[in-house]
């Protein structure tokens, strides 16, 4: 069982590493945020779950469940708020980006169609 918990922790660490790699490799702030948020959310959940299962009888399981629920609730929301703030402050998309849905929504709202 200990090897399974170690493997879960290792997979979580791998996702955290891939999230950090995505921050370096992606072309603009929006792609970096998406890569970082999704990978770090899953990585943190798996890493914490592996640690919690490995130390099941030590009384840390409840705290780790709370940490996992907190990460699930706050990572997507904070990423969305930061992305919207970046968009409204005028940070441009990468040239490879095909569509700016938030800009289209803004244009519809300004035109009074919504």
PDB file of N, CA and C in Angstrom:
ATOM      1  N   UNK A   1       0.817  -1.202   0.000  1.00  0.00           N
ATOM      2  CA  UNK A   1       0.000   0.000   0.000  1.00  0.00           C
ATOM      3  C   UNK A   1       0.854   1.258   0.000  1.00  0.00           C
ATOM      4  N   UNK A   2       1.958   1.195   0.688  1.00  0.00           N
ATOM      5  CA  UNK A   2       2.820   2.368   0.772  1.00  0.00           C
ATOM      6  C   UNK A   2       3.337   2.790  -0.602  1.00  0.00           C
ATOM      7  N   UNK A   3       3.587   1.801  -1.476  1.00  0.00           N
ATOM      8  CA  UNK A   3       4.055   2.105  -2.828  1.00  0.00           C
ATOM      9  C   UNK A   3       2.963   2.793  -3.644  1.00  0.00           C
ATOM     10  N   UNK A   4       1.723   2.409  -3.438  1.00  0.00           N
ATOM     11  CA  UNK A   4       0.610   3.050  -4.151  1.00  0.00           C
ATOM     12  C   UNK A   4       0.491   4.514  -3.732  1.00  0.00           C
ATOM     13  N   UNK A   5       0.601   4.772  -2.445  1.00  0.00           N
ATOM     14  CA  UNK A   5       0.530   6.148  -1.952  1.00  0.00           C
ATOM     15  C   UNK A   5       1.704   6.970  -2.469  1.00  0.00           C
ATOM     16  N   UNK A   6       2.874   6.350  -2.518  1.00  0.00           N
ATOM     17  CA  UNK A   6       4.050   7.039  -3.059  1.00  0.00           C
ATOM     18  C   UNK A   6       3.863   7.331  -4.546  1.00  0.00           C
ATOM     19  N   UNK A   7       3.254   6.407  -5.271  1.00  0.00           N
ATOM     20  CA  UNK A   7       3.005   6.613  -6.693  1.00  0.00           C
ATOM     21  C   UNK A   7       2.003   7.752  -6.913  1.00  0.00           C
ATOM     22  N   UNK A   8       0.949   7.823  -6.099  1.00  0.00           N
ATOM     23  CA  UNK A   8      -0.016   8.920  -6.198  1.00  0.00           C
ATOM     24  C   UNK A   8       0.682  10.256  -5.929  1.00  0.00           C
ATOM     25  N   UNK A   9       1.540  10.284  -4.924  1.00  0.00           N
ATOM     26  CA  UNK A   9       2.284  11.497  -4.608  1.00  0.00           C
ATOM     27  C   UNK A   9       3.228  11.869  -5.743  1.00  0.00           C
ATOM     28  N   UNK A  10       3.874  10.890  -6.331  1.00  0.00           N
ATOM     29  CA  UNK A  10       4.787  11.135  -7.442  1.00  0.00           C
ATOM     30  C   UNK A  10       4.043  11.666  -8.666  1.00  0.00           C
ATOM     31  N   UNK A  11       2.873  11.114  -8.961  1.00  0.00           N
ATOM     32  CA  UNK A  11       2.075  11.605 -10.088  1.00  0.00           C
ATOM     33  C   UNK A  11       1.644  13.051  -9.832  1.00  0.00           C
ATOM     34  N   UNK A  12       1.284  13.357  -8.597  1.00  0.00           N
ATOM     35  CA  UNK A  12       0.947  14.738  -8.242  1.00  0.00           C
ATOM     36  C   UNK A  12       2.125  15.672  -8.438  1.00  0.00           C
ATOM     37  N   UNK A  13       3.310  15.217  -8.039  1.00  0.00           N
ATOM     38  CA  UNK A  13       4.509  16.033  -8.234  1.00  0.00           C
ATOM     39  C   UNK A  13       4.814  16.221  -9.717  1.00  0.00           C
ATOM     40  N   UNK A  14       4.539  15.210 -10.518  1.00  0.00           N
ATOM     41  CA  UNK A  14       4.736  15.310 -11.964  1.00  0.00           C
ATOM     42  C   UNK A  14       3.793  16.352 -12.563  1.00  0.00           C
ATOM     43  N   UNK A  15       2.540  16.360 -12.147  1.00  0.00           N
ATOM     44  CA  UNK A  15       1.615  17.379 -12.637  1.00  0.00           C
ATOM     45  C   UNK A  15       2.046  18.775 -12.194  1.00  0.00           C
ATOM     46  N   UNK A  16       2.546  18.912 -10.985  1.00  0.00           N
ATOM     47  CA  UNK A  16       3.050  20.207 -10.537  1.00  0.00           C
ATOM     48  C   UNK A  16       4.232  20.657 -11.393  1.00  0.00           C
ATOM     49  N   UNK A  17       5.118  19.726 -11.734  1.00  0.00           N
ATOM     50  CA  UNK A  17       6.246  20.038 -12.606  1.00  0.00           C
ATOM     51  C   UNK A  17       5.765  20.453 -13.995  1.00  0.00           C
ATOM     52  N   UNK A  18       4.791  19.719 -14.532  1.00  0.00           N
ATOM     53  CA  UNK A  18       4.271  20.054 -15.859  1.00  0.00           C
ATOM     54  C   UNK A  18       3.575  21.420 -15.854  1.00  0.00           C
ATOM     55  N   UNK A  19       2.940  21.774 -14.766  1.00  0.00           N
ATOM     56  CA  UNK A  19       2.347  23.106 -14.647  1.00  0.00           C
ATOM     57  C   UNK A  19       3.414  24.184 -14.661  1.00  0.00           C
ATOM     58  N   UNK A  20       4.516  23.940 -13.971  1.00  0.00           N
ATOM     59  CA  UNK A  20       5.624  24.899 -13.990  1.00  0.00           C
ATOM     60  C   UNK A  20       6.251  24.989 -15.377  1.00  0.00           C
ATOM     61  N   UNK A  21       6.352  23.866 -16.050  1.00  0.00           N
ATOM     62  CA  UNK A  21       6.878  23.856 -17.413  1.00  0.00           C
ATOM     63  C   UNK A  21       5.948  24.617 -18.360  1.00  0.00           C
ATOM     64  N   UNK A  22       4.652  24.487 -18.153  1.00  0.00           N
ATOM     65  CA  UNK A  22       3.687  25.222 -18.962  1.00  0.00           C
ATOM     66  C   UNK A  22       3.814  26.724 -18.790  1.00  0.00           C
ATOM     67  N   UNK A  23       4.189  27.167 -17.608  1.00  0.00           N
ATOM     68  CA  UNK A  23       4.397  28.604 -17.384  1.00  0.00           C
ATOM     69  C   UNK A  23       5.544  29.136 -18.227  1.00  0.00           C
ATOM     70  N   UNK A  24       6.535  28.308 -18.457  1.00  0.00           N
ATOM     71  CA  UNK A  24       7.693  28.721 -19.246  1.00  0.00           C
ATOM     72  C   UNK A  24       7.413  28.619 -20.743  1.00  0.00           C
ATOM     73  N   UNK A  25       6.684  27.597 -21.152  1.00  0.00           N
ATOM     74  CA  UNK A  25       6.529  27.284 -22.571  1.00  0.00           C
ATOM     75  C   UNK A  25       5.390  28.021 -23.286  1.00  0.00           C
ATOM     76  N   UNK A  26       4.368  28.409 -22.589  1.00  0.00           N
ATOM     77  CA  UNK A  26       3.199  28.991 -23.250  1.00  0.00           C
ATOM     78  C   UNK A  26       3.466  30.427 -23.700  1.00  0.00           C
ATOM     79  N   UNK A  27       2.792  30.864 -24.791  1.00  0.00           N
ATOM     80  CA  UNK A  27       3.142  32.140 -25.420  1.00  0.00           C
ATOM     81  C   UNK A  27       2.603  33.392 -24.734  1.00  0.00           C
ATOM     82  N   UNK A  28       1.482  33.336 -24.047  1.00  0.00           N
ATOM     83  CA  UNK A  28       0.950  34.550 -23.426  1.00  0.00           C
ATOM     84  C   UNK A  28       0.410  34.252 -22.032  1.00  0.00           C
ATOM     85  N   UNK A  29       0.001  35.312 -21.363  1.00  0.00           N
ATOM     86  CA  UNK A  29      -0.403  35.190 -19.965  1.00  0.00           C
ATOM     87  C   UNK A  29      -1.641  34.304 -19.810  1.00  0.00           C
ATOM     88  N   UNK A  30      -2.529  34.316 -20.779  1.00  0.00           N
ATOM     89  CA  UNK A  30      -3.763  33.539 -20.671  1.00  0.00           C
ATOM     90  C   UNK A  30      -3.494  32.047 -20.810  1.00  0.00           C
ATOM     91  N   UNK A  31      -2.657  31.679 -21.752  1.00  0.00           N
ATOM     92  CA  UNK A  31      -2.292  30.268 -21.905  1.00  0.00           C
ATOM     93  C   UNK A  31      -1.465  29.788 -20.719  1.00  0.00           C
ATOM     94  N   UNK A  32      -0.600  30.631 -20.223  1.00  0.00           N
ATOM     95  CA  UNK A  32       0.199  30.262 -19.043  1.00  0.00           C
ATOM     96  C   UNK A  32      -0.701  30.030 -17.837  1.00  0.00           C
ATOM     97  N   UNK A  33      -1.679  30.898 -17.701  1.00  0.00           N
ATOM     98  CA  UNK A  33      -2.580  30.763 -16.562  1.00  0.00           C
ATOM     99  C   UNK A  33      -3.393  29.480 -16.653  1.00  0.00           C
ATOM    100  N   UNK A  34      -3.867  29.160 -17.852  1.00  0.00           N
ATOM    101  CA  UNK A  34      -4.653  27.941 -18.036  1.00  0.00           C
ATOM    102  C   UNK A  34      -3.806  26.708 -17.759  1.00  0.00           C
ATOM    103  N   UNK A  35      -2.593  26.688 -18.306  1.00  0.00           N
ATOM    104  CA  UNK A  35      -1.723  25.529 -18.097  1.00  0.00           C
ATOM    105  C   UNK A  35      -1.342  25.391 -16.626  1.00  0.00           C
ATOM    106  N   UNK A  36      -1.013  26.512 -16.022  1.00  0.00           N
ATOM    107  CA  UNK A  36      -0.616  26.478 -14.615  1.00  0.00           C
ATOM    108  C   UNK A  36      -1.746  26.111 -13.685  1.00  0.00           C
ATOM    109  N   UNK A  37      -2.921  26.635 -13.923  1.00  0.00           N
ATOM    110  CA  UNK A  37      -4.038  26.390 -13.014  1.00  0.00           C
ATOM    111  C   UNK A  37      -4.526  24.948 -13.069  1.00  0.00           C
ATOM    112  N   UNK A  38      -4.752  24.440 -14.261  1.00  0.00           N
ATOM    113  CA  UNK A  38      -5.269  23.072 -14.362  1.00  0.00           C
ATOM    114  C   UNK A  38      -4.264  22.054 -13.838  1.00  0.00           C
ATOM    115  N   UNK A  39      -3.010  22.208 -14.213  1.00  0.00           N
ATOM    116  CA  UNK A  39      -1.998  21.242 -13.782  1.00  0.00           C
ATOM    117  C   UNK A  39      -1.733  21.342 -12.282  1.00  0.00           C
ATOM    118  N   UNK A  40      -1.667  22.553 -11.758  1.00  0.00           N
ATOM    119  CA  UNK A  40      -1.376  22.672 -10.331  1.00  0.00           C
ATOM    120  C   UNK A  40      -2.562  22.249  -9.472  1.00  0.00           C
ATOM    121  N   UNK A  41      -3.783  22.442  -9.967  1.00  0.00           N
ATOM    122  CA  UNK A  41      -4.945  21.967  -9.212  1.00  0.00           C
ATOM    123  C   UNK A  41      -4.905  20.450  -9.086  1.00  0.00           C
ATOM    124  N   UNK A  42      -4.746  19.770 -10.217  1.00  0.00           N
ATOM    125  CA  UNK A  42      -4.690  18.309 -10.176  1.00  0.00           C
ATOM    126  C   UNK A  42      -3.452  17.823  -9.420  1.00  0.00           C
ATOM    127  N   UNK A  43      -2.327  18.478  -9.645  1.00  0.00           N
ATOM    128  CA  UNK A  43      -1.094  18.084  -8.954  1.00  0.00           C
ATOM    129  C   UNK A  43      -1.194  18.238  -7.449  1.00  0.00           C
ATOM    130  N   UNK A  44      -1.765  19.344  -7.004  1.00  0.00           N
ATOM    131  CA  UNK A  44      -1.913  19.568  -5.565  1.00  0.00           C
ATOM    132  C   UNK A  44      -2.874  18.566  -4.943  1.00  0.00           C
ATOM    133  N   UNK A  45      -3.964  18.262  -5.665  1.00  0.00           N
ATOM    134  CA  UNK A  45      -4.924  17.285  -5.155  1.00  0.00           C
ATOM    135  C   UNK A  45      -4.273  15.913  -5.021  1.00  0.00           C
ATOM    136  N   UNK A  46      -3.595  15.460  -6.073  1.00  0.00           N
ATOM    137  CA  UNK A  46      -2.968  14.137  -6.024  1.00  0.00           C
ATOM    138  C   UNK A  46      -1.841  14.083  -4.998  1.00  0.00           C
ATOM    139  N   UNK A  47      -1.025  15.121  -4.960  1.00  0.00           N
ATOM    140  CA  UNK A  47       0.082  15.153  -4.005  1.00  0.00           C
ATOM    141  C   UNK A  47      -0.447  15.110  -2.568  1.00  0.00           C
ATOM    142  N   UNK A  48      -1.441  15.931  -2.275  1.00  0.00           N
ATOM    143  CA  UNK A  48      -2.014  15.957  -0.930  1.00  0.00           C
ATOM    144  C   UNK A  48      -2.713  14.645  -0.593  1.00  0.00           C
ATOM    145  N   UNK A  49      -3.406  14.087  -1.577  1.00  0.00           N
ATOM    146  CA  UNK A  49      -4.085  12.813  -1.364  1.00  0.00           C
ATOM    147  C   UNK A  49      -3.084  11.701  -1.058  1.00  0.00           C
ATOM    148  N   UNK A  50      -1.988  11.654  -1.796  1.00  0.00           N
ATOM    149  CA  UNK A  50      -0.960  10.645  -1.533  1.00  0.00           C
ATOM    150  C   UNK A  50      -0.351  10.792  -0.150  1.00  0.00           C
ATOM    151  N   UNK A  51      -0.061  12.011   0.242  1.00  0.00           N
ATOM    152  CA  UNK A  51       0.491  12.257   1.583  1.00  0.00           C
ATOM    153  C   UNK A  51      -0.534  11.890   2.657  1.00  0.00           C
ATOM    154  N   UNK A  52      -1.794  12.273   2.430  1.00  0.00           N
ATOM    155  CA  UNK A  52      -2.839  11.976   3.407  1.00  0.00           C
ATOM    156  C   UNK A  52      -3.085  10.491   3.580  1.00  0.00           C
ATOM    157  N   UNK A  53      -3.096   9.760   2.463  1.00  0.00           N
ATOM    158  CA  UNK A  53      -3.311   8.312   2.563  1.00  0.00           C
ATOM    159  C   UNK A  53      -2.117   7.604   3.194  1.00  0.00           C
ATOM    160  N   UNK A  54      -0.925   8.106   2.941  1.00  0.00           N
ATOM    161  CA  UNK A  54       0.265   7.497   3.537  1.00  0.00           C
ATOM    162  C   UNK A  54       0.301   7.706   5.051  1.00  0.00           C
ATOM    163  N   UNK A  55      -0.267   8.799   5.515  1.00  0.00           N
ATOM    164  CA  UNK A  55      -0.278   9.110   6.952  1.00  0.00           C
ATOM    165  C   UNK A  55      -1.703   9.066   7.491  1.00  0.00           C
ATOM    166  N   UNK A  56      -2.439   8.045   7.117  1.00  0.00           N
ATOM    167  CA  UNK A  56      -3.870   7.981   7.415  1.00  0.00           C
ATOM    168  C   UNK A  56      -4.172   8.025   8.911  1.00  0.00           C
ATOM    169  N   UNK A  57      -3.446   7.330   9.723  1.00  0.00           N
ATOM    170  CA  UNK A  57      -3.758   7.239  11.148  1.00  0.00           C
ATOM    171  C   UNK A  57      -3.211   8.371  11.996  1.00  0.00           C
ATOM    172  N   UNK A  58      -2.547   9.337  11.390  1.00  0.00           N
ATOM    173  CA  UNK A  58      -1.881  10.370  12.183  1.00  0.00           C
ATOM    174  C   UNK A  58      -2.760  11.573  12.501  1.00  0.00           C
ATOM    175  N   UNK A  59      -4.010  11.587  12.044  1.00  0.00           N
ATOM    176  CA  UNK A  59      -4.893  12.703  12.349  1.00  0.00           C
ATOM    177  C   UNK A  59      -4.826  13.838  11.347  1.00  0.00           C
ATOM    178  N   UNK A  60      -4.068  13.677  10.289  1.00  0.00           N
ATOM    179  CA  UNK A  60      -3.926  14.719   9.279  1.00  0.00           C
ATOM    180  C   UNK A  60      -4.953  14.607   8.161  1.00  0.00           C
ATOM    181  N   UNK A  61      -5.683  13.515   8.107  1.00  0.00           N
ATOM    182  CA  UNK A  61      -6.593  13.276   6.970  1.00  0.00           C
ATOM    183  C   UNK A  61      -7.675  14.349   6.860  1.00  0.00           C
ATOM    184  N   UNK A  62      -8.258  14.738   7.947  1.00  0.00           N
ATOM    185  CA  UNK A  62      -9.283  15.781   7.907  1.00  0.00           C
ATOM    186  C   UNK A  62      -8.738  17.090   7.395  1.00  0.00           C
ATOM    187  N   UNK A  63      -7.537  17.435   7.827  1.00  0.00           N
ATOM    188  CA  UNK A  63      -6.914  18.684   7.370  1.00  0.00           C
ATOM    189  C   UNK A  63      -6.582  18.619   5.884  1.00  0.00           C
ATOM    190  N   UNK A  64      -6.132  17.465   5.434  1.00  0.00           N
ATOM    191  CA  UNK A  64      -5.782  17.326   4.021  1.00  0.00           C
ATOM    192  C   UNK A  64      -7.037  17.364   3.160  1.00  0.00           C
ATOM    193  N   UNK A  65      -8.143  16.796   3.621  1.00  0.00           N
ATOM    194  CA  UNK A  65      -9.403  16.887   2.886  1.00  0.00           C
ATOM    195  C   UNK A  65      -9.838  18.342   2.775  1.00  0.00           C
ATOM    196  N   UNK A  66      -9.686  19.101   3.835  1.00  0.00           N
ATOM    197  CA  UNK A  66     -10.030  20.528   3.804  1.00  0.00           C
ATOM    198  C   UNK A  66      -9.130  21.272   2.824  1.00  0.00           C
ATOM    199  N   UNK A  67      -7.851  20.949   2.803  1.00  0.00           N
ATOM    200  CA  UNK A  67      -6.928  21.576   1.861  1.00  0.00           C
ATOM    201  C   UNK A  67      -7.339  21.263   0.424  1.00  0.00           C
ATOM    202  N   UNK A  68      -7.677  20.002   0.152  1.00  0.00           N
ATOM    203  CA  UNK A  68      -8.085  19.609  -1.199  1.00  0.00           C
ATOM    204  C   UNK A  68      -9.359  20.342  -1.608  1.00  0.00           C
ATOM    205  N   UNK A  69     -10.342  20.419  -0.731  1.00  0.00           N
ATOM    206  CA  UNK A  69     -11.578  21.137  -1.042  1.00  0.00           C
ATOM    207  C   UNK A  69     -11.316  22.623  -1.266  1.00  0.00           C
ATOM    208  N   UNK A  70     -10.412  23.193  -0.487  1.00  0.00           N
ATOM    209  CA  UNK A  70     -10.049  24.600  -0.654  1.00  0.00           C
ATOM    210  C   UNK A  70      -9.397  24.839  -2.008  1.00  0.00           C
ATOM    211  N   UNK A  71      -8.508  23.953  -2.412  1.00  0.00           N
ATOM    212  CA  UNK A  71      -7.843  24.075  -3.715  1.00  0.00           C
ATOM    213  C   UNK A  71      -8.862  23.946  -4.843  1.00  0.00           C
ATOM    214  N   UNK A  72      -9.767  22.983  -4.735  1.00  0.00           N
ATOM    215  CA  UNK A  72     -10.793  22.794  -5.764  1.00  0.00           C
ATOM    216  C   UNK A  72     -11.675  24.038  -5.888  1.00  0.00           C
ATOM    217  N   UNK A  73     -11.977  24.674  -4.766  1.00  0.00           N
ATOM    218  CA  UNK A  73     -12.870  25.832  -4.788  1.00  0.00           C
ATOM    219  C   UNK A  73     -12.171  27.117  -5.220  1.00  0.00           C
ATOM    220  N   UNK A  74     -10.915  27.295  -4.861  1.00  0.00           N
ATOM    221  CA  UNK A  74     -10.284  28.596  -5.079  1.00  0.00           C
ATOM    222  C   UNK A  74      -9.420  28.696  -6.329  1.00  0.00           C
ATOM    223  N   UNK A  75      -8.794  27.630  -6.767  1.00  0.00           N
ATOM    224  CA  UNK A  75      -7.914  27.734  -7.938  1.00  0.00           C
ATOM    225  C   UNK A  75      -8.646  28.197  -9.197  1.00  0.00           C
ATOM    226  N   UNK A  76      -9.749  27.577  -9.589  1.00  0.00           N
ATOM    227  CA  UNK A  76     -10.427  28.049 -10.801  1.00  0.00           C
ATOM    228  C   UNK A  76     -10.973  29.475 -10.680  1.00  0.00           C
ATOM    229  N   UNK A  77     -11.486  29.820  -9.508  1.00  0.00           N
ATOM    230  CA  UNK A  77     -12.051  31.152  -9.316  1.00  0.00           C
ATOM    231  C   UNK A  77     -10.957  32.215  -9.386  1.00  0.00           C
ATOM    232  N   UNK A  78      -9.852  31.981  -8.705  1.00  0.00           N
ATOM    233  CA  UNK A  78      -8.771  32.973  -8.726  1.00  0.00           C
ATOM    234  C   UNK A  78      -8.166  33.099 -10.112  1.00  0.00           C
ATOM    235  N   UNK A  79      -8.050  32.003 -10.827  1.00  0.00           N
ATOM    236  CA  UNK A  79      -7.531  32.052 -12.190  1.00  0.00           C
ATOM    237  C   UNK A  79      -8.458  32.864 -13.089  1.00  0.00           C
ATOM    238  N   UNK A  80      -9.747  32.678 -12.952  1.00  0.00           N
ATOM    239  CA  UNK A  80     -10.711  33.427 -13.749  1.00  0.00           C
ATOM    240  C   UNK A  80     -10.628  34.923 -13.447  1.00  0.00           C
ATOM    241  N   UNK A  81     -10.547  35.274 -12.190  1.00  0.00           N
ATOM    242  CA  UNK A  81     -10.486  36.684 -11.804  1.00  0.00           C
ATOM    243  C   UNK A  81      -9.198  37.329 -12.328  1.00  0.00           C
ATOM    244  N   UNK A  82      -8.088  36.640 -12.226  1.00  0.00           N
ATOM    245  CA  UNK A  82      -6.824  37.182 -12.712  1.00  0.00           C
ATOM    246  C   UNK A  82      -6.848  37.325 -14.234  1.00  0.00           C
ATOM    247  N   UNK A  83      -7.418  36.339 -14.935  1.00  0.00           N
ATOM    248  CA  UNK A  83      -7.492  36.409 -16.398  1.00  0.00           C
ATOM    249  C   UNK A  83      -8.378  37.573 -16.841  1.00  0.00           C
ATOM    250  N   UNK A  84      -9.493  37.765 -16.173  1.00  0.00           N
ATOM    251  CA  UNK A  84     -10.369  38.889 -16.533  1.00  0.00           C
ATOM    252  C   UNK A  84      -9.693  40.223 -16.249  1.00  0.00           C
ATOM    253  N   UNK A  85      -8.971  40.312 -15.143  1.00  0.00           N
ATOM    254  CA  UNK A  85      -8.250  41.548 -14.839  1.00  0.00           C
ATOM    255  C   UNK A  85      -7.167  41.820 -15.877  1.00  0.00           C
ATOM    256  N   UNK A  86      -6.483  40.773 -16.316  1.00  0.00           N
ATOM    257  CA  UNK A  86      -5.466  40.944 -17.358  1.00  0.00           C
ATOM    258  C   UNK A  86      -6.111  41.388 -18.660  1.00  0.00           C
ATOM    259  N   UNK A  87      -7.262  40.817 -18.989  1.00  0.00           N
ATOM    260  CA  UNK A  87      -7.958  41.180 -20.231  1.00  0.00           C
ATOM    261  C   UNK A  87      -8.415  42.638 -20.192  1.00  0.00           C
ATOM    262  N   UNK A  88      -9.014  43.027 -19.095  1.00  0.00           N
ATOM    263  CA  UNK A  88      -9.533  44.392 -18.998  1.00  0.00           C
ATOM    264  C   UNK A  88      -8.424  45.432 -18.852  1.00  0.00           C
ATOM    265  N   UNK A  89      -7.234  45.023 -18.452  1.00  0.00           N
ATOM    266  CA  UNK A  89      -6.113  45.965 -18.396  1.00  0.00           C
ATOM    267  C   UNK A  89      -5.407  46.086 -19.741  1.00  0.00           C
ATOM    268  N   UNK A  90      -5.852  45.295 -20.722  1.00  0.00           N
ATOM    269  CA  UNK A  90      -5.345  45.466 -22.080  1.00  0.00           C
ATOM    270  C   UNK A  90      -4.226  44.535 -22.496  1.00  0.00           C
ATOM    271  N   UNK A  91      -3.970  43.492 -21.754  1.00  0.00           N
ATOM    272  CA  UNK A  91      -2.931  42.544 -22.146  1.00  0.00           C
ATOM    273  C   UNK A  91      -3.437  41.746 -23.340  1.00  0.00           C
ATOM    274  N   UNK A  92      -2.667  41.741 -24.414  1.00  0.00           N
ATOM    275  CA  UNK A  92      -3.092  41.126 -25.670  1.00  0.00           C
ATOM    276  C   UNK A  92      -2.906  39.621 -25.653  1.00  0.00           C
ATOM    277  N   UNK A  93      -3.705  38.952 -26.478  1.00  0.00           N
ATOM    278  CA  UNK A  93      -3.560  37.514 -26.697  1.00  0.00           C
ATOM    279  C   UNK A  93      -2.345  37.252 -27.584  1.00  0.00           C
ATOM    280  N   UNK A  94      -1.880  36.024 -27.568  1.00  0.00           N
ATOM    281  CA  UNK A  94      -0.798  35.641 -28.469  1.00  0.00           C
ATOM    282  C   UNK A  94      -1.312  35.665 -29.909  1.00  0.00           C
ATOM    283  N   UNK A  95      -0.417  35.804 -30.861  1.00  0.00           N
ATOM    284  CA  UNK A  95      -0.821  35.840 -32.268  1.00  0.00           C
ATOM    285  C   UNK A  95      -1.452  34.527 -32.714  1.00  0.00           C
ATOM    286  N   UNK A  96      -1.100  33.429 -32.064  1.00  0.00           N
ATOM    287  CA  UNK A  96      -1.649  32.129 -32.424  1.00  0.00           C
ATOM    288  C   UNK A  96      -3.062  31.901 -31.895  1.00  0.00           C
ATOM    289  N   UNK A  97      -3.505  32.736 -30.979  1.00  0.00           N
ATOM    290  CA  UNK A  97      -4.857  32.587 -30.423  1.00  0.00           C
ATOM    291  C   UNK A  97      -5.880  32.900 -31.508  1.00  0.00           C
ATOM    292  N   UNK A  98      -6.881  32.059 -31.621  1.00  0.00           N
ATOM    293  CA  UNK A  98      -7.853  32.187 -32.705  1.00  0.00           C
ATOM    294  C   UNK A  98      -9.053  33.051 -32.354  1.00  0.00           C
ATOM    295  N   UNK A  99      -9.444  33.059 -31.086  1.00  0.00           N
ATOM    296  CA  UNK A  99     -10.700  33.694 -30.727  1.00  0.00           C
ATOM    297  C   UNK A  99     -10.600  34.335 -29.349  1.00  0.00           C
ATOM    298  N   UNK A 100     -11.173  35.519 -29.230  1.00  0.00           N
ATOM    299  CA  UNK A 100     -11.237  36.222 -27.951  1.00  0.00           C
ATOM    300  C   UNK A 100     -12.710  36.325 -27.555  1.00  0.00           C
ATOM    301  N   UNK A 101     -13.198  35.325 -26.853  1.00  0.00           N
ATOM    302  CA  UNK A 101     -14.620  35.274 -26.505  1.00  0.00           C
ATOM    303  C   UNK A 101     -15.011  36.370 -25.522  1.00  0.00           C
ATOM    304  N   UNK A 102     -14.110  36.761 -24.639  1.00  0.00           N
ATOM    305  CA  UNK A 102     -14.442  37.807 -23.688  1.00  0.00           C
ATOM    306  C   UNK A 102     -14.615  39.145 -24.413  1.00  0.00           C
ATOM    307  N   UNK A 103     -13.811  39.401 -25.427  1.00  0.00           N
ATOM    308  CA  UNK A 103     -13.952  40.623 -26.213  1.00  0.00           C
ATOM    309  C   UNK A 103     -15.276  40.620 -26.963  1.00  0.00           C
ATOM    310  N   UNK A 104     -15.659  39.462 -27.499  1.00  0.00           N
ATOM    311  CA  UNK A 104     -16.940  39.351 -28.198  1.00  0.00           C
ATOM    312  C   UNK A 104     -18.104  39.593 -27.239  1.00  0.00           C
ATOM    313  N   UNK A 105     -18.001  39.082 -26.022  1.00  0.00           N
ATOM    314  CA  UNK A 105     -19.051  39.321 -25.027  1.00  0.00           C
ATOM    315  C   UNK A 105     -19.139  40.800 -24.674  1.00  0.00           C
ATOM    316  N   UNK A 106     -17.979  41.459 -24.565  1.00  0.00           N
ATOM    317  CA  UNK A 106     -17.962  42.895 -24.267  1.00  0.00           C
ATOM    318  C   UNK A 106     -18.617  43.697 -25.379  1.00  0.00           C
ATOM    319  N   UNK A 107     -18.352  43.325 -26.625  1.00  0.00           N
ATOM    320  CA  UNK A 107     -18.939  44.038 -27.755  1.00  0.00           C
ATOM    321  C   UNK A 107     -20.448  43.859 -27.788  1.00  0.00           C
ATOM    322  N   UNK A 108     -20.938  42.677 -27.466  1.00  0.00           N
ATOM    323  CA  UNK A 108     -22.379  42.447 -27.422  1.00  0.00           C
ATOM    324  C   UNK A 108     -23.021  43.278 -26.313  1.00  0.00           C
ATOM    325  N   UNK A 109     -22.359  43.356 -25.172  1.00  0.00           N
ATOM    326  CA  UNK A 109     -22.896  44.104 -24.038  1.00  0.00           C
ATOM    327  C   UNK A 109     -22.923  45.590 -24.351  1.00  0.00           C
ATOM    328  N   UNK A 110     -21.873  46.101 -24.981  1.00  0.00           N
ATOM    329  CA  UNK A 110     -21.828  47.521 -25.316  1.00  0.00           C
ATOM    330  C   UNK A 110     -22.868  47.883 -26.362  1.00  0.00           C
ATOM    331  N   UNK A 111     -23.195  46.955 -27.254  1.00  0.00           N
ATOM    332  CA  UNK A 111     -24.193  47.202 -28.272  1.00  0.00           C
ATOM    333  C   UNK A 111     -25.608  47.130 -27.754  1.00  0.00           C
ATOM    334  N   UNK A 112     -25.788  46.680 -26.540  1.00  0.00           N
ATOM    335  CA  UNK A 112     -27.106  46.622 -25.923  1.00  0.00           C
ATOM    336  C   UNK A 112     -27.921  45.400 -26.322  1.00  0.00           C
ATOM    337  N   UNK A 113     -27.263  44.377 -26.851  1.00  0.00           N
ATOM    338  CA  UNK A 113     -28.017  43.192 -27.280  1.00  0.00           C
ATOM    339  C   UNK A 113     -28.299  42.241 -26.138  1.00  0.00           C
ATOM    340  N   UNK A 114     -27.564  42.356 -25.048  1.00  0.00           N
ATOM    341  CA  UNK A 114     -27.802  41.440 -23.924  1.00  0.00           C
ATOM    342  C   UNK A 114     -28.671  42.045 -22.863  1.00  0.00           C
TER     343      UNK A 114
END
